[in-house]
Amino acid sequence: MRVFKAVLAIAAALCLAGVAGWHYATDWRPSTGEYPIQGIDVSEETGPVDWLTARARGVDFAYARAIRAGTRRDRLFQSNWAALGEAGIRRGVIHQFSLCRSAEAQADAFITFVPRFLDALPAVVELDFDEGCARRPERAELLGSIQAFLKVVEHHTGSPMLLKISEPFEKQYQVSGAVARPLWATQDFFEPLYLARPWRMWQASTIRRIDGVDRPVHWNVVAP
C-alpha cells in the first residue's frame, strides 16, 4: 500500500510539473527589453481574433495571410484586415508561395486579391513545404520563380517583400543567400541560426496563447 501511494504521489507530481511546463511554454515570449516590437501572424487556421484585446496583450503589429497555396484567398483575410485597421494595429500581408503553381499565376492572384495599401507593412512571401504539393523543382528553377514573382508583386506594392523561410525549405534550396531581401526566420523558443544572413524578423512561438484568440497564435519579434 505504501508503495502504491508513493507511485501515485510521484505520478501526481509529474503531472503537475507537466501542466506547469505547458502553461509556461504557451505563455512564453521573448523579452520585450531585448525585442521591444512584437506581434503575431494569423490565417483562417487561427480563427477569429478580438484585435482590441490582442493589442492590449502586447500585439504591436500583425500579419494576415492573404493567399494560401499560391492562388487561393484566405477565408478570413478581408475581415482580419478591416479589423486590424479599426483596432489601430500596424498590418501586413502574407502570400503562401506554392511549388505547384507558376510564378505568373501566383502574382496574378496576389494582385487580384490584395489591393495596394498605403499604410501596410512590407508584404511577405512565405516559403515552406506544403503537404498538398509534392512537387520539388530544381533550385535554379525555384529561384527563378521567386524572382519573377517578386518583380511583379513588388511593382504592385511599391516596396521590397520579406522572405519568411522555414528551416527545411532553406536547407533544401538555400534561398536566403541567393535572394537579397529581408529575412523572417522561424524556430520555437530558440533564436534561429539557419539562414545565410541575419534575420529581420523571428517567429519565436507557434503555440502562444493570448486573450482574444481561442487558438494558439504565431508570435513574432523584430530584430532590434
C-alpha atoms as a PDB file:
ATOM      1  CA  MET A   1       0.000   0.000   0.000  1.00  0.00           C
ATOM      2  CA  ARG A   2       2.810   2.401   0.872  1.00  0.00           C
ATOM      3  CA  VAL A   3       4.492   1.671  -2.460  1.00  0.00           C
ATOM      4  CA  PHE A   4       1.229   2.267  -4.313  1.00  0.00           C
ATOM      5  CA  LYS A   5       0.703   5.611  -2.559  1.00  0.00           C
ATOM      6  CA  ALA A   6       4.277   6.626  -3.348  1.00  0.00           C
ATOM      7  CA  VAL A   7       3.753   5.816  -7.017  1.00  0.00           C
ATOM      8  CA  LEU A   8       0.561   7.882  -7.060  1.00  0.00           C
ATOM      9  CA  ALA A   9       2.353  10.798  -5.405  1.00  0.00           C
ATOM     10  CA  ILE A  10       5.163  10.681  -7.972  1.00  0.00           C
ATOM     11  CA  ALA A  11       2.671  10.481 -10.833  1.00  0.00           C
ATOM     12  CA  ALA A  12       0.723  13.436  -9.458  1.00  0.00           C
ATOM     13  CA  ALA A  13       3.916  15.470  -9.079  1.00  0.00           C
ATOM     14  CA  LEU A  14       4.964  14.687 -12.640  1.00  0.00           C
ATOM     15  CA  CYS A  15       1.510  15.636 -13.903  1.00  0.00           C
ATOM     16  CA  LEU A  16       1.608  18.960 -12.096  1.00  0.00           C
ATOM     17  CA  ALA A  17       5.096  19.641 -13.412  1.00  0.00           C
ATOM     18  CA  GLY A  18       3.901  18.879 -16.937  1.00  0.00           C
ATOM     19  CA  VAL A  19       0.924  21.212 -16.598  1.00  0.00           C
ATOM     20  CA  ALA A  20       3.142  23.981 -15.211  1.00  0.00           C
ATOM     21  CA  GLY A  21       5.664  23.482 -18.005  1.00  0.00           C
ATOM     22  CA  TRP A  22       2.976  23.591 -20.694  1.00  0.00           C
ATOM     23  CA  HIS A  23       1.483  26.745 -19.187  1.00  0.00           C
ATOM     24  CA  TYR A  24       4.912  28.378 -19.188  1.00  0.00           C
ATOM     25  CA  ALA A  25       5.523  27.359 -22.816  1.00  0.00           C
ATOM     26  CA  THR A  26       2.174  28.673 -24.053  1.00  0.00           C
ATOM     27  CA  ASP A  27       2.632  31.956 -22.174  1.00  0.00           C
ATOM     28  CA  TRP A  28       6.270  32.480 -23.153  1.00  0.00           C
ATOM     29  CA  ARG A  29       7.539  35.207 -25.439  1.00  0.00           C
ATOM     30  CA  PRO A  30      11.000  36.764 -25.955  1.00  0.00           C
ATOM     31  CA  SER A  31      11.962  39.568 -23.619  1.00  0.00           C
ATOM     32  CA  THR A  32      10.439  42.915 -24.555  1.00  0.00           C
ATOM     33  CA  GLY A  33      13.590  44.538 -23.227  1.00  0.00           C
ATOM     34  CA  GLU A  34      15.625  42.777 -25.904  1.00  0.00           C
ATOM     35  CA  TYR A  35      12.898  42.789 -28.568  1.00  0.00           C
ATOM     36  CA  PRO A  36      10.601  45.768 -27.948  1.00  0.00           C
ATOM     37  CA  ILE A  37       8.486  45.289 -31.112  1.00  0.00           C
ATOM     38  CA  GLN A  38       6.407  42.089 -31.039  1.00  0.00           C
ATOM     39  CA  GLY A  39       3.335  40.820 -32.861  1.00  0.00           C
ATOM     40  CA  ILE A  40       1.519  37.901 -34.454  1.00  0.00           C
ATOM     41  CA  ASP A  41       0.682  36.423 -37.843  1.00  0.00           C
ATOM     42  CA  VAL A  42      -2.712  34.880 -38.496  1.00  0.00           C
ATOM     43  CA  SER A  43      -4.695  32.981 -41.090  1.00  0.00           C
ATOM     44  CA  GLU A  44      -8.026  31.212 -41.356  1.00  0.00           C
ATOM     45  CA  GLU A  45      -6.439  28.429 -39.268  1.00  0.00           C
ATOM     46  CA  THR A  46      -6.125  30.866 -36.347  1.00  0.00           C
ATOM     47  CA  GLY A  47      -9.827  31.590 -36.326  1.00  0.00           C
ATOM     48  CA  PRO A  48     -11.488  34.882 -35.328  1.00  0.00           C
ATOM     49  CA  VAL A  49      -9.430  37.413 -33.359  1.00  0.00           C
ATOM     50  CA  ASP A  50     -10.588  40.142 -30.980  1.00  0.00           C
ATOM     51  CA  TRP A  51      -7.990  42.640 -32.134  1.00  0.00           C
ATOM     52  CA  LEU A  52      -8.587  45.249 -29.433  1.00  0.00           C
ATOM     53  CA  THR A  53      -7.952  42.600 -26.785  1.00  0.00           C
ATOM     54  CA  ALA A  54      -4.918  41.325 -28.695  1.00  0.00           C
ATOM     55  CA  ARG A  55      -3.483  44.836 -28.829  1.00  0.00           C
ATOM     56  CA  ALA A  56      -3.921  45.106 -25.047  1.00  0.00           C
ATOM     57  CA  ARG A  57      -1.967  41.847 -24.711  1.00  0.00           C
ATOM     58  CA  GLY A  58       1.091  43.318 -26.394  1.00  0.00           C
ATOM     59  CA  VAL A  59       0.436  42.881 -30.127  1.00  0.00           C
ATOM     60  CA  ASP A  60       2.289  45.778 -31.774  1.00  0.00           C
ATOM     61  CA  PHE A  61       1.753  44.556 -35.336  1.00  0.00           C
ATOM     62  CA  ALA A  62       0.063  41.713 -37.197  1.00  0.00           C
ATOM     63  CA  TYR A  63       0.498  39.942 -40.495  1.00  0.00           C
ATOM     64  CA  ALA A  64      -2.582  38.376 -42.092  1.00  0.00           C
ATOM     65  CA  ARG A  65      -2.220  35.649 -44.674  1.00  0.00           C
ATOM     66  CA  ALA A  66      -3.918  36.768 -47.864  1.00  0.00           C
ATOM     67  CA  ILE A  67      -3.098  33.958 -50.305  1.00  0.00           C
ATOM     68  CA  ARG A  68      -2.975  30.238 -49.496  1.00  0.00           C
ATOM     69  CA  ALA A  69      -1.331  27.565 -51.644  1.00  0.00           C
ATOM     70  CA  GLY A  70      -0.215  30.158 -54.159  1.00  0.00           C
ATOM     71  CA  THR A  71      -3.542  31.236 -55.630  1.00  0.00           C
ATOM     72  CA  ARG A  72      -6.400  30.851 -53.130  1.00  0.00           C
ATOM     73  CA  ARG A  73      -7.586  33.758 -50.971  1.00  0.00           C
ATOM     74  CA  ASP A  74      -7.516  33.102 -47.228  1.00  0.00           C
ATOM     75  CA  ARG A  75     -11.079  32.932 -45.952  1.00  0.00           C
ATOM     76  CA  LEU A  76     -10.509  35.413 -43.095  1.00  0.00           C
ATOM     77  CA  PHE A  77      -8.161  37.841 -44.821  1.00  0.00           C
ATOM     78  CA  GLN A  78     -10.652  40.602 -45.558  1.00  0.00           C
ATOM     79  CA  SER A  79     -12.224  40.548 -42.095  1.00  0.00           C
ATOM     80  CA  ASN A  80      -8.823  40.412 -40.384  1.00  0.00           C
ATOM     81  CA  TRP A  81      -7.528  43.285 -42.482  1.00  0.00           C
ATOM     82  CA  ALA A  82     -10.502  45.528 -41.802  1.00  0.00           C
ATOM     83  CA  ALA A  83     -10.497  44.759 -38.068  1.00  0.00           C
ATOM     84  CA  LEU A  84      -6.758  45.442 -37.810  1.00  0.00           C
ATOM     85  CA  GLY A  85      -7.292  48.881 -39.305  1.00  0.00           C
ATOM     86  CA  GLU A  86     -10.135  49.615 -36.897  1.00  0.00           C
ATOM     87  CA  ALA A  87      -8.006  48.491 -33.940  1.00  0.00           C
ATOM     88  CA  GLY A  88      -5.113  50.722 -34.988  1.00  0.00           C
ATOM     89  CA  ILE A  89      -2.624  47.843 -35.268  1.00  0.00           C
ATOM     90  CA  ARG A  90       0.126  48.019 -37.887  1.00  0.00           C
ATOM     91  CA  ARG A  91      -0.673  45.401 -40.505  1.00  0.00           C
ATOM     92  CA  GLY A  92       0.930  43.483 -43.331  1.00  0.00           C
ATOM     93  CA  VAL A  93       0.106  40.752 -45.862  1.00  0.00           C
ATOM     94  CA  ILE A  94       1.495  37.220 -46.257  1.00  0.00           C
ATOM     95  CA  HIS A  95       1.488  35.247 -49.508  1.00  0.00           C
ATOM     96  CA  GLN A  96       1.987  31.492 -49.098  1.00  0.00           C
ATOM     97  CA  PHE A  97       4.149  30.510 -52.074  1.00  0.00           C
ATOM     98  CA  SER A  98       3.385  27.218 -53.807  1.00  0.00           C
ATOM     99  CA  LEU A  99       5.777  24.923 -55.665  1.00  0.00           C
ATOM    100  CA  CYS A 100       2.780  23.632 -57.631  1.00  0.00           C
ATOM    101  CA  ARG A 101       1.698  26.968 -59.122  1.00  0.00           C
ATOM    102  CA  SER A 102       3.506  29.144 -61.638  1.00  0.00           C
ATOM    103  CA  ALA A 103       5.004  32.453 -60.573  1.00  0.00           C
ATOM    104  CA  GLU A 104       2.708  34.235 -63.010  1.00  0.00           C
ATOM    105  CA  ALA A 105      -0.451  32.642 -61.605  1.00  0.00           C
ATOM    106  CA  GLN A 106       0.604  33.443 -58.054  1.00  0.00           C
ATOM    107  CA  ALA A 107       1.443  37.048 -58.868  1.00  0.00           C
ATOM    108  CA  ASP A 108      -1.912  37.431 -60.624  1.00  0.00           C
ATOM    109  CA  ALA A 109      -3.684  36.064 -57.531  1.00  0.00           C
ATOM    110  CA  PHE A 110      -1.850  38.493 -55.263  1.00  0.00           C
ATOM    111  CA  ILE A 111      -2.677  41.489 -57.423  1.00  0.00           C
ATOM    112  CA  THR A 112      -6.310  40.357 -57.733  1.00  0.00           C
ATOM    113  CA  PHE A 113      -6.936  39.744 -54.034  1.00  0.00           C
ATOM    114  CA  VAL A 114      -4.602  42.270 -52.377  1.00  0.00           C
ATOM    115  CA  PRO A 115      -5.086  45.946 -53.227  1.00  0.00           C
ATOM    116  CA  ARG A 116      -2.180  48.319 -52.729  1.00  0.00           C
ATOM    117  CA  PHE A 117      -2.479  49.520 -49.123  1.00  0.00           C
ATOM    118  CA  LEU A 118      -0.564  52.709 -48.441  1.00  0.00           C
ATOM    119  CA  ASP A 119      -0.489  52.047 -44.691  1.00  0.00           C
ATOM    120  CA  ALA A 120       0.720  48.446 -44.985  1.00  0.00           C
ATOM    121  CA  LEU A 121       3.922  46.945 -43.647  1.00  0.00           C
ATOM    122  CA  PRO A 122       6.145  45.329 -46.297  1.00  0.00           C
ATOM    123  CA  ALA A 123       4.429  42.263 -47.726  1.00  0.00           C
ATOM    124  CA  VAL A 124       5.786  38.763 -47.061  1.00  0.00           C
ATOM    125  CA  VAL A 125       6.248  35.694 -49.235  1.00  0.00           C
ATOM    126  CA  GLU A 126       6.173  32.533 -47.123  1.00  0.00           C
ATOM    127  CA  LEU A 127       8.462  29.742 -48.330  1.00  0.00           C
ATOM    128  CA  ASP A 128       7.747  26.330 -46.837  1.00  0.00           C
ATOM    129  CA  PHE A 129       6.751  22.863 -47.955  1.00  0.00           C
ATOM    130  CA  ASP A 130       3.021  22.226 -48.279  1.00  0.00           C
ATOM    131  CA  GLU A 131       1.540  18.759 -47.704  1.00  0.00           C
ATOM    132  CA  GLY A 132      -0.821  19.415 -50.590  1.00  0.00           C
ATOM    133  CA  CYS A 133       2.035  19.893 -53.082  1.00  0.00           C
ATOM    134  CA  ALA A 134       4.553  17.104 -53.684  1.00  0.00           C
ATOM    135  CA  ARG A 135       6.464  18.885 -56.464  1.00  0.00           C
ATOM    136  CA  ARG A 136      10.130  19.712 -55.764  1.00  0.00           C
ATOM    137  CA  PRO A 137      11.664  21.749 -58.598  1.00  0.00           C
ATOM    138  CA  GLU A 138      15.388  22.163 -59.098  1.00  0.00           C
ATOM    139  CA  ARG A 139      16.939  25.050 -57.165  1.00  0.00           C
ATOM    140  CA  ALA A 140      17.615  27.184 -60.249  1.00  0.00           C
ATOM    141  CA  GLU A 141      14.007  26.863 -61.371  1.00  0.00           C
ATOM    142  CA  LEU A 142      12.701  27.745 -57.921  1.00  0.00           C
ATOM    143  CA  LEU A 143      14.938  30.792 -57.543  1.00  0.00           C
ATOM    144  CA  GLY A 144      13.846  31.994 -60.976  1.00  0.00           C
ATOM    145  CA  SER A 145      10.194  31.591 -59.994  1.00  0.00           C
ATOM    146  CA  ILE A 146      10.685  33.517 -56.760  1.00  0.00           C
ATOM    147  CA  GLN A 147      12.440  36.350 -58.581  1.00  0.00           C
ATOM    148  CA  ALA A 148       9.717  36.511 -61.234  1.00  0.00           C
ATOM    149  CA  PHE A 149       7.033  36.608 -58.541  1.00  0.00           C
ATOM    150  CA  LEU A 150       8.847  39.332 -56.597  1.00  0.00           C
ATOM    151  CA  LYS A 151       9.301  41.504 -59.689  1.00  0.00           C
ATOM    152  CA  VAL A 152       5.571  41.647 -60.382  1.00  0.00           C
ATOM    153  CA  VAL A 153       4.293  41.850 -56.805  1.00  0.00           C
ATOM    154  CA  GLU A 154       6.836  44.448 -55.659  1.00  0.00           C
ATOM    155  CA  HIS A 155       5.824  46.649 -58.573  1.00  0.00           C
ATOM    156  CA  HIS A 156       2.266  46.329 -57.262  1.00  0.00           C
ATOM    157  CA  THR A 157       3.071  47.006 -53.586  1.00  0.00           C
ATOM    158  CA  GLY A 158       5.782  49.583 -54.187  1.00  0.00           C
ATOM    159  CA  SER A 159       8.255  48.095 -51.688  1.00  0.00           C
ATOM    160  CA  PRO A 160      10.554  45.054 -51.286  1.00  0.00           C
ATOM    161  CA  MET A 161       8.982  41.948 -49.784  1.00  0.00           C
ATOM    162  CA  LEU A 162      10.249  39.929 -46.812  1.00  0.00           C
ATOM    163  CA  LEU A 163      11.122  36.263 -47.226  1.00  0.00           C
ATOM    164  CA  LYS A 164       9.685  34.046 -44.481  1.00  0.00           C
ATOM    165  CA  ILE A 165      11.687  30.838 -44.898  1.00  0.00           C
ATOM    166  CA  SER A 166      11.282  27.638 -42.904  1.00  0.00           C
ATOM    167  CA  GLU A 167      14.384  25.699 -41.903  1.00  0.00           C
ATOM    168  CA  PRO A 168      13.579  22.603 -44.038  1.00  0.00           C
ATOM    169  CA  PHE A 169      12.950  24.800 -47.085  1.00  0.00           C
ATOM    170  CA  GLU A 170      16.187  26.714 -46.539  1.00  0.00           C
ATOM    171  CA  LYS A 171      18.192  23.505 -46.126  1.00  0.00           C
ATOM    172  CA  GLN A 172      16.970  22.182 -49.457  1.00  0.00           C
ATOM    173  CA  TYR A 173      17.035  25.370 -51.539  1.00  0.00           C
ATOM    174  CA  GLN A 174      19.384  27.824 -49.761  1.00  0.00           C
ATOM    175  CA  VAL A 175      17.247  30.803 -50.676  1.00  0.00           C
ATOM    176  CA  SER A 176      18.479  33.287 -48.062  1.00  0.00           C
ATOM    177  CA  GLY A 177      21.910  33.645 -49.621  1.00  0.00           C
ATOM    178  CA  ALA A 178      20.584  33.914 -53.184  1.00  0.00           C
ATOM    179  CA  VAL A 179      17.671  36.374 -52.944  1.00  0.00           C
ATOM    180  CA  ALA A 180      18.574  39.746 -51.466  1.00  0.00           C
ATOM    181  CA  ARG A 181      15.510  40.549 -49.380  1.00  0.00           C
ATOM    182  CA  PRO A 182      14.932  40.994 -45.620  1.00  0.00           C
ATOM    183  CA  LEU A 183      14.538  37.637 -43.890  1.00  0.00           C
ATOM    184  CA  TRP A 184      11.985  36.221 -41.461  1.00  0.00           C
ATOM    185  CA  ALA A 185      13.158  33.075 -39.649  1.00  0.00           C
ATOM    186  CA  THR A 186      11.032  30.519 -37.790  1.00  0.00           C
ATOM    187  CA  GLN A 187      12.009  28.488 -34.732  1.00  0.00           C
ATOM    188  CA  ASP A 188      10.173  27.929 -31.464  1.00  0.00           C
ATOM    189  CA  PHE A 189      11.861  29.298 -28.322  1.00  0.00           C
ATOM    190  CA  PHE A 190      15.475  29.344 -29.546  1.00  0.00           C
ATOM    191  CA  GLU A 191      16.928  32.082 -31.743  1.00  0.00           C
ATOM    192  CA  PRO A 192      17.295  30.666 -35.291  1.00  0.00           C
ATOM    193  CA  LEU A 193      20.733  30.328 -36.864  1.00  0.00           C
ATOM    194  CA  TYR A 194      20.000  28.516 -40.129  1.00  0.00           C
ATOM    195  CA  LEU A 195      19.875  31.475 -42.543  1.00  0.00           C
ATOM    196  CA  ALA A 196      22.832  32.756 -44.567  1.00  0.00           C
ATOM    197  CA  ARG A 197      22.217  36.342 -43.448  1.00  0.00           C
ATOM    198  CA  PRO A 198      20.896  37.938 -40.227  1.00  0.00           C
ATOM    199  CA  TRP A 199      17.137  37.767 -39.886  1.00  0.00           C
ATOM    200  CA  ARG A 200      14.945  40.856 -39.627  1.00  0.00           C
ATOM    201  CA  MET A 201      12.035  39.028 -38.005  1.00  0.00           C
ATOM    202  CA  TRP A 202      11.783  35.871 -35.912  1.00  0.00           C
ATOM    203  CA  GLN A 203       8.718  33.685 -35.415  1.00  0.00           C
ATOM    204  CA  ALA A 204       9.566  32.629 -31.859  1.00  0.00           C
ATOM    205  CA  SER A 205       6.495  30.560 -30.965  1.00  0.00           C
ATOM    206  CA  THR A 206       3.676  28.762 -32.739  1.00  0.00           C
ATOM    207  CA  ILE A 207       1.841  27.778 -29.525  1.00  0.00           C
ATOM    208  CA  ARG A 208       1.440  31.038 -27.592  1.00  0.00           C
ATOM    209  CA  ARG A 209      -1.995  31.640 -26.100  1.00  0.00           C
ATOM    210  CA  ILE A 210      -3.320  35.179 -25.625  1.00  0.00           C
ATOM    211  CA  ASP A 211      -6.642  36.681 -24.650  1.00  0.00           C
ATOM    212  CA  GLY A 212      -8.833  37.475 -27.619  1.00  0.00           C
ATOM    213  CA  VAL A 213      -7.912  34.359 -29.628  1.00  0.00           C
ATOM    214  CA  ASP A 214      -9.326  30.897 -28.990  1.00  0.00           C
ATOM    215  CA  ARG A 215      -6.477  29.073 -30.750  1.00  0.00           C
ATOM    216  CA  PRO A 216      -2.676  29.318 -30.418  1.00  0.00           C
ATOM    217  CA  VAL A 217      -1.013  32.161 -32.327  1.00  0.00           C
ATOM    218  CA  HIS A 218       2.299  32.582 -34.107  1.00  0.00           C
ATOM    219  CA  TRP A 219       4.297  35.065 -32.030  1.00  0.00           C
ATOM    220  CA  ASN A 220       6.947  37.178 -33.767  1.00  0.00           C
ATOM    221  CA  VAL A 221       9.597  39.727 -32.860  1.00  0.00           C
ATOM    222  CA  VAL A 222      11.511  42.318 -34.867  1.00  0.00           C
ATOM    223  CA  ALA A 223      15.292  42.403 -34.635  1.00  0.00           C
ATOM    224  CA  PRO A 224      16.413  45.393 -32.517  1.00  0.00           C
END
